Amino acid sequence: MKLFVALLLCALAISSSFAFDPSQLQDICVAVDQPKNAVFVNGKFCKNPNLTVADDFLFRGINIPRDTNNSVGSTVTMVAVD
């Protein structure tokens, strides 16, 4: 009986819980030079997410070999909104 009550309590606790992301952070931000038509997100002026296109995510230079002569034997090319 104790096991049944414990399982019942766990089932009630799990069924009443839910997950959500309360923060207003945005997953993508395409930087823009002119903030007049931009959206201010996470401290940056970003292109309106509804107006983004695939060419906005093009980064020229990722194909250029970098020096991997370090203790890890690899390198990282950081691409950010900045």
C-alpha atoms as a PDB file:
ATOM      1  CA  MET A   1       0.000   0.000   0.000  1.00  0.00           C
ATOM      2  CA  LYS A   2       2.869   2.379   0.796  1.00  0.00           C
ATOM      3  CA  LEU A   3       4.360   1.763  -2.615  1.00  0.00           C
ATOM      4  CA  PHE A   4       1.027   2.509  -4.285  1.00  0.00           C
ATOM      5  CA  VAL A   5       0.675   5.794  -2.366  1.00  0.00           C
ATOM      6  CA  ALA A   6       4.247   6.787  -3.228  1.00  0.00           C
ATOM      7  CA  LEU A   7       3.694   6.053  -6.918  1.00  0.00           C
ATOM      8  CA  LEU A   8       0.400   7.928  -6.848  1.00  0.00           C
ATOM      9  CA  LEU A   9       2.060  10.984  -5.311  1.00  0.00           C
ATOM     10  CA  CYS A  10       4.852  10.860  -7.892  1.00  0.00           C
ATOM     11  CA  ALA A  11       2.348  10.575 -10.722  1.00  0.00           C
ATOM     12  CA  LEU A  12       0.378  13.548  -9.419  1.00  0.00           C
ATOM     13  CA  ALA A  13       3.525  15.636  -9.011  1.00  0.00           C
ATOM     14  CA  ILE A  14       4.762  14.840 -12.503  1.00  0.00           C
ATOM     15  CA  SER A  15       1.413  15.430 -14.176  1.00  0.00           C
ATOM     16  CA  SER A  16       1.064  18.865 -12.605  1.00  0.00           C
ATOM     17  CA  SER A  17       4.517  20.057 -13.608  1.00  0.00           C
ATOM     18  CA  PHE A  18       5.393  21.599 -16.944  1.00  0.00           C
ATOM     19  CA  ALA A  19       8.459  23.093 -18.571  1.00  0.00           C
ATOM     20  CA  PHE A  20       8.830  26.416 -20.301  1.00  0.00           C
ATOM     21  CA  ASP A  21      11.490  28.982 -21.059  1.00  0.00           C
ATOM     22  CA  PRO A  22      10.611  32.164 -19.172  1.00  0.00           C
ATOM     23  CA  SER A  23      13.437  34.210 -20.685  1.00  0.00           C
ATOM     24  CA  GLN A  24      12.969  36.342 -23.771  1.00  0.00           C
ATOM     25  CA  LEU A  25      16.260  35.273 -25.323  1.00  0.00           C
ATOM     26  CA  GLN A  26      16.251  34.702 -29.032  1.00  0.00           C
ATOM     27  CA  ASP A  27      17.942  31.731 -30.656  1.00  0.00           C
ATOM     28  CA  ILE A  28      19.222  33.629 -33.684  1.00  0.00           C
ATOM     29  CA  CYS A  29      20.342  37.188 -34.289  1.00  0.00           C
ATOM     30  CA  VAL A  30      21.384  38.438 -37.709  1.00  0.00           C
ATOM     31  CA  ALA A  31      23.311  41.637 -37.057  1.00  0.00           C
ATOM     32  CA  VAL A  32      22.334  44.784 -38.952  1.00  0.00           C
ATOM     33  CA  ASP A  33      24.198  48.043 -39.491  1.00  0.00           C
ATOM     34  CA  GLN A  34      21.159  50.332 -39.476  1.00  0.00           C
ATOM     35  CA  PRO A  35      19.054  49.924 -36.311  1.00  0.00           C
ATOM     36  CA  LYS A  36      16.028  51.776 -37.767  1.00  0.00           C
ATOM     37  CA  ASN A  37      14.415  48.552 -39.073  1.00  0.00           C
ATOM     38  CA  ALA A  38      15.895  46.258 -36.445  1.00  0.00           C
ATOM     39  CA  VAL A  39      14.697  44.456 -33.360  1.00  0.00           C
ATOM     40  CA  PHE A  40      16.608  45.009 -30.106  1.00  0.00           C
ATOM     41  CA  VAL A  41      17.261  41.528 -28.680  1.00  0.00           C
ATOM     42  CA  ASN A  42      19.775  40.483 -26.028  1.00  0.00           C
ATOM     43  CA  GLY A  43      21.523  43.839 -26.180  1.00  0.00           C
ATOM     44  CA  LYS A  44      22.069  43.720 -29.952  1.00  0.00           C
ATOM     45  CA  PHE A  45      20.290  45.196 -32.940  1.00  0.00           C
ATOM     46  CA  CYS A  46      19.102  42.228 -34.952  1.00  0.00           C
ATOM     47  CA  LYS A  47      17.301  41.790 -38.223  1.00  0.00           C
ATOM     48  CA  ASN A  48      13.640  40.975 -37.784  1.00  0.00           C
ATOM     49  CA  PRO A  49      13.476  37.148 -37.518  1.00  0.00           C
ATOM     50  CA  ASN A  50      10.531  37.089 -39.908  1.00  0.00           C
ATOM     51  CA  LEU A  51      12.685  38.730 -42.596  1.00  0.00           C
ATOM     52  CA  THR A  52      15.779  36.523 -42.336  1.00  0.00           C
ATOM     53  CA  VAL A  53      16.851  34.447 -45.327  1.00  0.00           C
ATOM     54  CA  ALA A  54      19.350  31.617 -45.746  1.00  0.00           C
ATOM     55  CA  ASP A  55      22.032  33.970 -47.160  1.00  0.00           C
ATOM     56  CA  ASP A  56      22.068  35.808 -43.821  1.00  0.00           C
ATOM     57  CA  PHE A  57      23.840  32.799 -42.304  1.00  0.00           C
ATOM     58  CA  LEU A  58      26.688  32.628 -44.819  1.00  0.00           C
ATOM     59  CA  PHE A  59      30.184  32.944 -43.347  1.00  0.00           C
ATOM     60  CA  ARG A  60      33.039  33.177 -45.804  1.00  0.00           C
ATOM     61  CA  GLY A  61      36.275  31.868 -44.382  1.00  0.00           C
ATOM     62  CA  ILE A  62      35.173  28.698 -42.622  1.00  0.00           C
ATOM     63  CA  ASN A  63      36.926  26.702 -45.356  1.00  0.00           C
ATOM     64  CA  ILE A  64      40.335  28.307 -44.692  1.00  0.00           C
ATOM     65  CA  PRO A  65      42.650  25.881 -42.844  1.00  0.00           C
ATOM     66  CA  ARG A  66      43.839  27.141 -39.456  1.00  0.00           C
ATOM     67  CA  ASP A  67      46.815  26.224 -37.295  1.00  0.00           C
ATOM     68  CA  THR A  68      46.148  23.093 -35.225  1.00  0.00           C
ATOM     69  CA  ASN A  69      49.603  22.876 -33.693  1.00  0.00           C
ATOM     70  CA  ASN A  70      48.431  23.065 -30.070  1.00  0.00           C
ATOM     71  CA  SER A  71      47.916  20.685 -27.147  1.00  0.00           C
ATOM     72  CA  VAL A  72      44.376  19.787 -28.220  1.00  0.00           C
ATOM     73  CA  GLY A  73      45.194  19.408 -31.902  1.00  0.00           C
ATOM     74  CA  SER A  74      42.213  21.379 -33.109  1.00  0.00           C
ATOM     75  CA  THR A  75      40.967  24.903 -33.653  1.00  0.00           C
ATOM     76  CA  VAL A  76      37.651  26.709 -33.406  1.00  0.00           C
ATOM     77  CA  THR A  77      36.406  29.441 -35.722  1.00  0.00           C
ATOM     78  CA  MET A  78      34.010  31.549 -33.710  1.00  0.00           C
ATOM     79  CA  VAL A  79      31.156  33.146 -35.600  1.00  0.00           C
ATOM     80  CA  ALA A  80      28.964  35.472 -33.565  1.00  0.00           C
ATOM     81  CA  VAL A  81      26.731  38.475 -34.030  1.00  0.00           C
ATOM     82  CA  ASP A  82      29.586  40.765 -33.013  1.00  0.00           C
END
